[in-house]
Amino acid sequence: MPTKLPNERDLEPAGGMQLDPSGDGIELDESRRLIASSKVEGTAVFDPKGEQLGTVMNFMVDKVTGQVAYVVMAFGGFLGLGESHHPLPWRALRYDVQLGGYVVDIDRDRLVASPHHRAEEDAFADAGYGKAVDAYYRW
């Protein structure tokens, strides 16, 4: 088990809105360095110009390394209809405090052309799908 930092606290069950009793204003399912997956899902994803591309639907964790490999971003559609899911390499995203979301150095045209799948598809069941995503983004 990794050593905790001096100011780091244990996570509470997801969905709690109770604030940290230290007065730092951080919810208990978040610490200075960690955030619960439930708080990442639904977070906006922006292009470098600050225009929203979509939202984080979920992320894919490598079972062997335990590392987040991809963020699956919901893109397009209306009220979930016609929406496509675009996996983005996790390391391609950076959090922007001012925007309150993740920024990825991809424009809308490149995103549209990227490997993607429909909501009802389990694209990662095909081992070649992750390789196609990596090749597209050159990771």
Protein backbone atom coordinates (compact mmCIF):
# COMPACT_ATOMS: atom_id res chain seq x y z
CA MET A 1 0.00 0.00 0.00
CA PRO A 2 1.45 3.39 -0.96
CA THR A 3 2.44 5.79 1.78
CA LYS A 4 -0.04 8.60 2.32
CA LEU A 5 1.10 12.19 2.04
CA PRO A 6 0.86 14.27 5.23
CA ASN A 7 -2.32 16.10 4.13
CA GLU A 8 -3.94 13.17 2.33
CA ARG A 9 -7.10 11.62 3.73
CA ASP A 10 -8.91 8.36 3.08
CA LEU A 11 -11.73 8.44 0.53
CA GLU A 12 -15.31 8.15 1.70
CA PRO A 13 -18.01 6.33 -0.27
CA ALA A 14 -18.73 8.03 -3.60
CA GLY A 15 -21.56 10.49 -3.84
CA GLY A 16 -21.16 12.04 -0.43
CA MET A 17 -21.47 15.77 -0.31
CA GLN A 18 -20.04 16.15 3.19
CA LEU A 19 -17.16 18.61 3.24
CA ASP A 20 -13.76 17.86 4.68
CA PRO A 21 -13.82 18.73 8.39
CA SER A 22 -10.40 20.42 8.07
CA GLY A 23 -12.17 23.35 6.41
CA ASP A 24 -10.29 22.97 3.12
CA GLY A 25 -13.63 22.74 1.30
CA ILE A 26 -12.81 19.44 -0.38
CA GLU A 27 -15.49 16.77 -0.48
CA LEU A 28 -14.57 13.55 1.31
CA ASP A 29 -14.47 11.52 -1.91
CA GLU A 30 -11.56 13.65 -3.03
CA SER A 31 -8.14 14.46 -1.60
CA ARG A 32 -5.40 16.79 -2.80
CA ARG A 33 -4.04 14.07 -5.13
CA LEU A 34 -6.89 11.58 -5.52
CA ILE A 35 -10.43 11.78 -6.83
CA ALA A 36 -13.15 9.13 -6.88
CA SER A 37 -14.09 7.85 -10.33
CA SER A 38 -17.70 8.90 -9.75
CA LYS A 39 -16.53 12.52 -9.63
CA VAL A 40 -14.59 12.22 -12.90
CA GLU A 41 -17.51 10.76 -14.85
CA GLY A 42 -19.52 13.57 -16.41
CA THR A 43 -16.61 16.03 -16.34
CA ALA A 44 -16.36 18.18 -19.47
CA VAL A 45 -13.59 17.65 -22.03
CA PHE A 46 -12.41 20.70 -23.96
CA ASP A 47 -10.25 21.33 -27.00
CA PRO A 48 -7.25 23.70 -26.71
CA LYS A 49 -9.48 26.69 -27.62
CA GLY A 50 -11.70 25.98 -24.61
CA GLU A 51 -14.63 24.66 -26.65
CA GLN A 52 -16.34 21.64 -25.10
CA LEU A 53 -15.95 18.44 -27.10
CA GLY A 54 -17.87 16.08 -24.84
CA THR A 55 -17.89 14.60 -21.35
CA VAL A 56 -16.08 11.78 -19.60
CA MET A 57 -18.37 8.76 -19.68
CA ASN A 58 -15.98 6.38 -17.92
CA PHE A 59 -12.40 5.23 -18.02
CA MET A 60 -10.70 1.96 -18.75
CA VAL A 61 -8.20 0.61 -16.21
CA ASP A 62 -5.46 -1.85 -17.18
CA LYS A 63 -6.12 -4.91 -14.99
CA VAL A 64 -2.44 -5.83 -14.77
CA THR A 65 -0.83 -2.44 -14.06
CA GLY A 66 -3.80 -0.82 -12.33
CA GLN A 67 -3.22 2.32 -14.40
CA VAL A 68 -5.94 4.26 -16.22
CA ALA A 69 -5.34 3.59 -19.91
CA TYR A 70 -8.20 5.42 -21.62
CA VAL A 71 -10.92 7.91 -20.88
CA VAL A 72 -14.05 7.13 -22.86
CA MET A 73 -15.60 10.42 -23.89
CA ALA A 74 -19.25 10.77 -24.90
CA PHE A 75 -19.43 12.93 -28.03
CA GLY A 76 -22.25 14.34 -30.12
CA GLY A 77 -25.84 13.25 -30.13
CA PHE A 78 -28.76 14.71 -28.23
CA LEU A 79 -29.93 13.39 -24.86
CA GLY A 80 -27.82 10.29 -25.44
CA LEU A 81 -29.29 9.54 -28.88
CA GLY A 82 -26.77 9.33 -31.69
CA GLU A 83 -23.90 9.82 -29.27
CA SER A 84 -20.58 8.13 -30.00
CA HIS A 85 -17.91 7.04 -27.56
CA HIS A 86 -14.33 8.04 -28.23
CA PRO A 87 -11.51 6.54 -26.16
CA LEU A 88 -8.71 9.01 -25.49
CA PRO A 89 -5.36 8.05 -23.96
CA TRP A 90 -5.49 9.13 -20.30
CA ARG A 91 -2.08 10.79 -20.52
CA ALA A 92 -3.36 13.00 -23.36
CA LEU A 93 -5.66 14.85 -20.95
CA ARG A 94 -4.74 17.54 -18.46
CA TYR A 95 -7.05 19.09 -15.91
CA ASP A 96 -7.71 22.82 -16.24
CA VAL A 97 -8.89 24.36 -12.97
CA GLN A 98 -10.32 27.47 -14.65
CA LEU A 99 -12.39 25.46 -17.14
CA GLY A 100 -13.35 22.90 -14.51
CA GLY A 101 -12.63 20.09 -16.94
CA TYR A 102 -10.04 18.23 -18.95
CA VAL A 103 -8.27 19.66 -21.99
CA VAL A 104 -7.05 17.46 -24.80
CA ASP A 105 -4.91 18.68 -27.69
CA ILE A 106 -7.32 17.42 -30.35
CA ASP A 107 -9.60 19.43 -32.58
CA ARG A 108 -13.15 18.39 -33.42
CA ASP A 109 -12.24 17.13 -36.94
CA ARG A 110 -9.49 14.85 -35.64
CA LEU A 111 -11.81 13.58 -32.93
CA VAL A 112 -14.56 12.75 -35.45
CA ALA A 113 -12.03 10.73 -37.49
CA SER A 114 -10.69 8.87 -34.43
CA PRO A 115 -11.56 5.27 -33.51
CA HIS A 116 -14.93 5.30 -31.80
CA HIS A 117 -17.91 3.09 -31.09
CA ARG A 118 -21.62 3.29 -30.34
CA ALA A 119 -22.88 3.25 -26.77
CA GLU A 120 -24.21 -0.30 -27.02
CA GLU A 121 -20.95 -1.74 -28.38
CA ASP A 122 -18.23 -3.32 -26.26
CA ALA A 123 -15.39 -2.28 -28.55
CA PHE A 124 -12.62 -3.15 -26.08
CA ALA A 125 -13.66 -6.83 -26.28
CA ASP A 126 -11.65 -6.78 -29.51
CA ALA A 127 -7.94 -6.69 -28.55
CA GLY A 128 -7.17 -4.79 -31.75
CA TYR A 129 -9.39 -1.86 -30.78
CA GLY A 130 -7.00 -0.54 -28.11
CA LYS A 131 -4.11 -0.96 -30.55
CA ALA A 132 -6.02 1.08 -33.15
CA VAL A 133 -6.62 3.84 -30.59
CA ASP A 134 -2.92 3.86 -29.61
CA ALA A 135 -1.84 3.93 -33.26
CA TYR A 136 -4.22 6.79 -34.06
CA TYR A 137 -2.90 8.93 -31.23
CA ARG A 138 0.66 7.57 -31.68
CA TRP A 139 1.05 6.38 -28.07
